PDB file of N, CA and C in Angstrom:
ATOM      1  N   UNK A   1       4.095 -12.633   8.793  1.00  0.00           N
ATOM      2  CA  UNK A   1       3.956 -11.226   9.102  1.00  0.00           C
ATOM      3  C   UNK A   1       5.258 -10.507   8.750  1.00  0.00           C
ATOM      4  N   UNK A   2       5.138  -9.344   8.159  1.00  0.00           N
ATOM      5  CA  UNK A   2       6.295  -8.543   7.759  1.00  0.00           C
ATOM      6  C   UNK A   2       6.889  -7.845   8.978  1.00  0.00           C
ATOM      7  N   UNK A   3       8.157  -8.067   9.226  1.00  0.00           N
ATOM      8  CA  UNK A   3       8.841  -7.436  10.359  1.00  0.00           C
ATOM      9  C   UNK A   3       9.749  -6.335   9.825  1.00  0.00           C
ATOM     10  N   UNK A   4       9.343  -5.091   9.982  1.00  0.00           N
ATOM     11  CA  UNK A   4      10.107  -3.964   9.438  1.00  0.00           C
ATOM     12  C   UNK A   4      11.515  -3.892  10.004  1.00  0.00           C
ATOM     13  N   UNK A   5      11.731  -4.456  11.189  1.00  0.00           N
ATOM     14  CA  UNK A   5      13.070  -4.412  11.797  1.00  0.00           C
ATOM     15  C   UNK A   5      14.061  -5.277  11.029  1.00  0.00           C
ATOM     16  N   UNK A   6      13.566  -6.374  10.454  1.00  0.00           N
ATOM     17  CA  UNK A   6      14.448  -7.280   9.713  1.00  0.00           C
ATOM     18  C   UNK A   6      14.784  -6.756   8.324  1.00  0.00           C
ATOM     19  N   UNK A   7      13.814  -6.126   7.670  1.00  0.00           N
ATOM     20  CA  UNK A   7      14.027  -5.652   6.305  1.00  0.00           C
ATOM     21  C   UNK A   7      14.491  -4.205   6.264  1.00  0.00           C
ATOM     22  N   UNK A   8      14.223  -3.466   7.280  1.00  0.00           N
ATOM     23  CA  UNK A   8      14.686  -2.089   7.373  1.00  0.00           C
ATOM     24  C   UNK A   8      13.809  -1.106   6.636  1.00  0.00           C
ATOM     25  N   UNK A   9      13.364  -1.454   5.460  1.00  0.00           N
ATOM     26  CA  UNK A   9      12.523  -0.551   4.689  1.00  0.00           C
ATOM     27  C   UNK A   9      12.242  -1.137   3.322  1.00  0.00           C
ATOM     28  N   UNK A  10      11.448  -0.423   2.569  1.00  0.00           N
ATOM     29  CA  UNK A  10      11.077  -0.855   1.227  1.00  0.00           C
ATOM     30  C   UNK A  10      11.525   0.190   0.224  1.00  0.00           C
ATOM     31  N   UNK A  11      11.843  -0.295  -0.967  1.00  0.00           N
ATOM     32  CA  UNK A  11      12.290   0.616  -2.012  1.00  0.00           C
ATOM     33  C   UNK A  11      11.100   1.327  -2.639  1.00  0.00           C
ATOM     34  N   UNK A  12      11.254   2.635  -2.845  1.00  0.00           N
ATOM     35  CA  UNK A  12      10.266   3.389  -3.601  1.00  0.00           C
ATOM     36  C   UNK A  12      10.644   3.275  -5.065  1.00  0.00           C
ATOM     37  N   UNK A  13       9.761   2.713  -5.862  1.00  0.00           N
ATOM     38  CA  UNK A  13      10.023   2.512  -7.282  1.00  0.00           C
ATOM     39  C   UNK A  13       9.355   3.642  -8.054  1.00  0.00           C
ATOM     40  N   UNK A  14      10.004   4.073  -9.133  1.00  0.00           N
ATOM     41  CA  UNK A  14       9.434   5.128  -9.959  1.00  0.00           C
ATOM     42  C   UNK A  14      10.206   6.423  -9.861  1.00  0.00           C
ATOM     43  N   UNK A  15      11.273   6.392  -9.119  1.00  0.00           N
ATOM     44  CA  UNK A  15      12.131   7.568  -9.039  1.00  0.00           C
ATOM     45  C   UNK A  15      13.463   7.220  -9.681  1.00  0.00           C
ATOM     46  N   UNK A  16      14.216   8.221 -10.069  1.00  0.00           N
ATOM     47  CA  UNK A  16      15.497   7.997 -10.727  1.00  0.00           C
ATOM     48  C   UNK A  16      16.594   7.922  -9.675  1.00  0.00           C
ATOM     49  N   UNK A  17      16.667   6.789  -9.021  1.00  0.00           N
ATOM     50  CA  UNK A  17      17.662   6.597  -7.978  1.00  0.00           C
ATOM     51  C   UNK A  17      17.171   5.579  -6.975  1.00  0.00           C
ATOM     52  N   UNK A  18      17.840   5.551  -5.852  1.00  0.00           N
ATOM     53  CA  UNK A  18      17.502   4.592  -4.805  1.00  0.00           C
ATOM     54  C   UNK A  18      16.964   5.343  -3.599  1.00  0.00           C
ATOM     55  N   UNK A  19      15.791   4.935  -3.160  1.00  0.00           N
ATOM     56  CA  UNK A  19      15.191   5.519  -1.966  1.00  0.00           C
ATOM     57  C   UNK A  19      14.564   4.383  -1.172  1.00  0.00           C
ATOM     58  N   UNK A  20      15.034   4.207   0.046  1.00  0.00           N
ATOM     59  CA  UNK A  20      14.493   3.183   0.925  1.00  0.00           C
ATOM     60  C   UNK A  20      13.703   3.890   2.017  1.00  0.00           C
ATOM     61  N   UNK A  21      12.425   3.574   2.121  1.00  0.00           N
ATOM     62  CA  UNK A  21      11.545   4.183   3.115  1.00  0.00           C
ATOM     63  C   UNK A  21      11.501   3.277   4.333  1.00  0.00           C
ATOM     64  N   UNK A  22      11.956   3.817   5.453  1.00  0.00           N
ATOM     65  CA  UNK A  22      11.953   3.056   6.699  1.00  0.00           C
ATOM     66  C   UNK A  22      10.677   3.346   7.488  1.00  0.00           C
ATOM     67  N   UNK A  23      10.302   2.417   8.331  1.00  0.00           N
ATOM     68  CA  UNK A  23       9.140   2.575   9.199  1.00  0.00           C
ATOM     69  C   UNK A  23       9.396   3.718  10.179  1.00  0.00           C
ATOM     70  N   UNK A  24       8.386   4.450  10.516  1.00  0.00           N
ATOM     71  CA  UNK A  24       8.514   5.587  11.423  1.00  0.00           C
ATOM     72  C   UNK A  24       8.998   5.231  12.821  1.00  0.00           C
ATOM     73  N   UNK A  25       8.821   3.991  13.230  1.00  0.00           N
ATOM     74  CA  UNK A  25       9.261   3.559  14.567  1.00  0.00           C
ATOM     75  C   UNK A  25      10.617   2.857  14.528  1.00  0.00           C
ATOM     76  N   UNK A  26      11.314   2.969  13.412  1.00  0.00           N
ATOM     77  CA  UNK A  26      12.586   2.266  13.244  1.00  0.00           C
ATOM     78  C   UNK A  26      13.621   2.684  14.273  1.00  0.00           C
ATOM     79  N   UNK A  27      14.276   1.687  14.800  1.00  0.00           N
ATOM     80  CA  UNK A  27      15.408   1.893  15.707  1.00  0.00           C
ATOM     81  C   UNK A  27      16.682   1.506  14.945  1.00  0.00           C
ATOM     82  N   UNK A  28      17.786   1.432  15.630  1.00  0.00           N
ATOM     83  CA  UNK A  28      19.081   1.225  14.972  1.00  0.00           C
ATOM     84  C   UNK A  28      19.133  -0.052  14.122  1.00  0.00           C
ATOM     85  N   UNK A  29      18.536  -1.147  14.589  1.00  0.00           N
ATOM     86  CA  UNK A  29      18.563  -2.399  13.822  1.00  0.00           C
ATOM     87  C   UNK A  29      17.870  -2.219  12.475  1.00  0.00           C
ATOM     88  N   UNK A  30      16.715  -1.574  12.469  1.00  0.00           N
ATOM     89  CA  UNK A  30      15.967  -1.369  11.229  1.00  0.00           C
ATOM     90  C   UNK A  30      16.709  -0.423  10.291  1.00  0.00           C
ATOM     91  N   UNK A  31      17.318   0.614  10.832  1.00  0.00           N
ATOM     92  CA  UNK A  31      18.070   1.551   9.990  1.00  0.00           C
ATOM     93  C   UNK A  31      19.273   0.845   9.376  1.00  0.00           C
ATOM     94  N   UNK A  32      19.970   0.041  10.177  1.00  0.00           N
ATOM     95  CA  UNK A  32      21.110  -0.734   9.664  1.00  0.00           C
ATOM     96  C   UNK A  32      20.652  -1.641   8.526  1.00  0.00           C
ATOM     97  N   UNK A  33      19.517  -2.292   8.700  1.00  0.00           N
ATOM     98  CA  UNK A  33      19.011  -3.188   7.666  1.00  0.00           C
ATOM     99  C   UNK A  33      18.514  -2.436   6.442  1.00  0.00           C
ATOM    100  N   UNK A  34      18.017  -1.221   6.607  1.00  0.00           N
ATOM    101  CA  UNK A  34      17.609  -0.436   5.435  1.00  0.00           C
ATOM    102  C   UNK A  34      18.831  -0.049   4.606  1.00  0.00           C
ATOM    103  N   UNK A  35      19.946   0.216   5.260  1.00  0.00           N
ATOM    104  CA  UNK A  35      21.196   0.493   4.539  1.00  0.00           C
ATOM    105  C   UNK A  35      21.660  -0.762   3.806  1.00  0.00           C
ATOM    106  N   UNK A  36      21.494  -1.921   4.442  1.00  0.00           N
ATOM    107  CA  UNK A  36      21.830  -3.195   3.798  1.00  0.00           C
ATOM    108  C   UNK A  36      20.978  -3.412   2.547  1.00  0.00           C
ATOM    109  N   UNK A  37      19.688  -3.098   2.636  1.00  0.00           N
ATOM    110  CA  UNK A  37      18.787  -3.237   1.488  1.00  0.00           C
ATOM    111  C   UNK A  37      19.231  -2.306   0.360  1.00  0.00           C
ATOM    112  N   UNK A  38      19.576  -1.070   0.689  1.00  0.00           N
ATOM    113  CA  UNK A  38      20.042  -0.121  -0.327  1.00  0.00           C
ATOM    114  C   UNK A  38      21.299  -0.648  -1.014  1.00  0.00           C
ATOM    115  N   UNK A  39      22.205  -1.210  -0.243  1.00  0.00           N
ATOM    116  CA  UNK A  39      23.435  -1.777  -0.806  1.00  0.00           C
ATOM    117  C   UNK A  39      23.114  -2.938  -1.746  1.00  0.00           C
ATOM    118  N   UNK A  40      22.148  -3.774  -1.377  1.00  0.00           N
ATOM    119  CA  UNK A  40      21.747  -4.891  -2.236  1.00  0.00           C
ATOM    120  C   UNK A  40      21.162  -4.380  -3.549  1.00  0.00           C
ATOM    121  N   UNK A  41      20.376  -3.313  -3.476  1.00  0.00           N
ATOM    122  CA  UNK A  41      19.788  -2.732  -4.690  1.00  0.00           C
ATOM    123  C   UNK A  41      20.898  -2.226  -5.606  1.00  0.00           C
ATOM    124  N   UNK A  42      21.884  -1.545  -5.026  1.00  0.00           N
ATOM    125  CA  UNK A  42      23.009  -1.038  -5.818  1.00  0.00           C
ATOM    126  C   UNK A  42      23.779  -2.195  -6.453  1.00  0.00           C
ATOM    127  N   UNK A  43      24.131  -3.190  -5.671  1.00  0.00           N
ATOM    128  CA  UNK A  43      24.927  -4.316  -6.171  1.00  0.00           C
ATOM    129  C   UNK A  43      24.199  -5.141  -7.222  1.00  0.00           C
ATOM    130  N   UNK A  44      22.884  -5.182  -7.166  1.00  0.00           N
ATOM    131  CA  UNK A  44      22.111  -5.965  -8.130  1.00  0.00           C
ATOM    132  C   UNK A  44      21.834  -5.195  -9.418  1.00  0.00           C
ATOM    133  N   UNK A  45      22.203  -3.918  -9.453  1.00  0.00           N
ATOM    134  CA  UNK A  45      21.941  -3.045 -10.608  1.00  0.00           C
ATOM    135  C   UNK A  45      20.452  -3.000 -10.938  1.00  0.00           C
ATOM    136  N   UNK A  46      19.628  -3.078  -9.920  1.00  0.00           N
ATOM    137  CA  UNK A  46      18.181  -3.099 -10.099  1.00  0.00           C
ATOM    138  C   UNK A  46      17.674  -1.868 -10.857  1.00  0.00           C
ATOM    139  N   UNK A  47      18.173  -0.692 -10.524  1.00  0.00           N
ATOM    140  CA  UNK A  47      17.699   0.536 -11.166  1.00  0.00           C
ATOM    141  C   UNK A  47      18.023   0.508 -12.657  1.00  0.00           C
ATOM    142  N   UNK A  48      19.251   0.126 -13.005  1.00  0.00           N
ATOM    143  CA  UNK A  48      19.655   0.051 -14.413  1.00  0.00           C
ATOM    144  C   UNK A  48      18.776  -0.945 -15.158  1.00  0.00           C
ATOM    145  N   UNK A  49      18.569  -2.117 -14.579  1.00  0.00           N
ATOM    146  CA  UNK A  49      17.753  -3.150 -15.224  1.00  0.00           C
ATOM    147  C   UNK A  49      16.295  -2.726 -15.347  1.00  0.00           C
ATOM    148  N   UNK A  50      15.771  -2.089 -14.333  1.00  0.00           N
ATOM    149  CA  UNK A  50      14.382  -1.633 -14.367  1.00  0.00           C
ATOM    150  C   UNK A  50      14.187  -0.584 -15.456  1.00  0.00           C
ATOM    151  N   UNK A  51      15.119   0.366 -15.553  1.00  0.00           N
ATOM    152  CA  UNK A  51      15.042   1.387 -16.606  1.00  0.00           C
ATOM    153  C   UNK A  51      15.076   0.746 -17.987  1.00  0.00           C
ATOM    154  N   UNK A  52      15.952  -0.227 -18.159  1.00  0.00           N
ATOM    155  CA  UNK A  52      16.084  -0.903 -19.442  1.00  0.00           C
ATOM    156  C   UNK A  52      14.791  -1.623 -19.822  1.00  0.00           C
ATOM    157  N   UNK A  53      14.213  -2.352 -18.883  1.00  0.00           N
ATOM    158  CA  UNK A  53      12.981  -3.091 -19.163  1.00  0.00           C
ATOM    159  C   UNK A  53      11.805  -2.155 -19.438  1.00  0.00           C
ATOM    160  N   UNK A  54      11.713  -1.072 -18.704  1.00  0.00           N
ATOM    161  CA  UNK A  54      10.635  -0.106 -18.941  1.00  0.00           C
ATOM    162  C   UNK A  54      10.797   0.523 -20.317  1.00  0.00           C
ATOM    163  N   UNK A  55      12.032   0.850 -20.681  1.00  0.00           N
ATOM    164  CA  UNK A  55      12.303   1.429 -21.996  1.00  0.00           C
ATOM    165  C   UNK A  55      11.893   0.470 -23.113  1.00  0.00           C
ATOM    166  N   UNK A  56      12.231  -0.813 -22.966  1.00  0.00           N
ATOM    167  CA  UNK A  56      11.834  -1.824 -23.958  1.00  0.00           C
ATOM    168  C   UNK A  56      10.317  -1.905 -24.062  1.00  0.00           C
ATOM    169  N   UNK A  57       9.659  -1.916 -22.927  1.00  0.00           N
ATOM    170  CA  UNK A  57       8.199  -2.010 -22.899  1.00  0.00           C
ATOM    171  C   UNK A  57       7.566  -0.818 -23.608  1.00  0.00           C
ATOM    172  N   UNK A  58       8.072   0.370 -23.331  1.00  0.00           N
ATOM    173  CA  UNK A  58       7.509   1.577 -23.941  1.00  0.00           C
ATOM    174  C   UNK A  58       7.734   1.590 -25.447  1.00  0.00           C
ATOM    175  N   UNK A  59       8.870   1.087 -25.914  1.00  0.00           N
ATOM    176  CA  UNK A  59       9.140   1.023 -27.352  1.00  0.00           C
ATOM    177  C   UNK A  59       8.212   0.023 -28.032  1.00  0.00           C
ATOM    178  N   UNK A  60       7.927  -1.100 -27.372  1.00  0.00           N
ATOM    179  CA  UNK A  60       7.030  -2.116 -27.927  1.00  0.00           C
ATOM    180  C   UNK A  60       5.598  -1.614 -28.003  1.00  0.00           C
ATOM    181  N   UNK A  61       5.236  -0.746 -27.091  1.00  0.00           N
ATOM    182  CA  UNK A  61       3.858  -0.253 -26.995  1.00  0.00           C
ATOM    183  C   UNK A  61       3.528   0.746 -28.100  1.00  0.00           C
ATOM    184  N   UNK A  62       4.527   1.268 -28.767  1.00  0.00           N
ATOM    185  CA  UNK A  62       4.287   2.295 -29.806  1.00  0.00           C
ATOM    186  C   UNK A  62       3.914   1.706 -31.114  1.00  0.00           C
TER     187      UNK A  62
END
């Protein structure tokens, strides 16, 4: 079972940046963990890599 308190939130994909959506009932632990998730996304360069892969895919599709 997914525990929103442990993960803090989920990333919204498809926007130009980082957005972590937290559960509406989130308390301090969940908010702290959502900030941790955002930091992990930044450190992993996920947005840069995702943009690059999508760009490659779109070029191949033409």
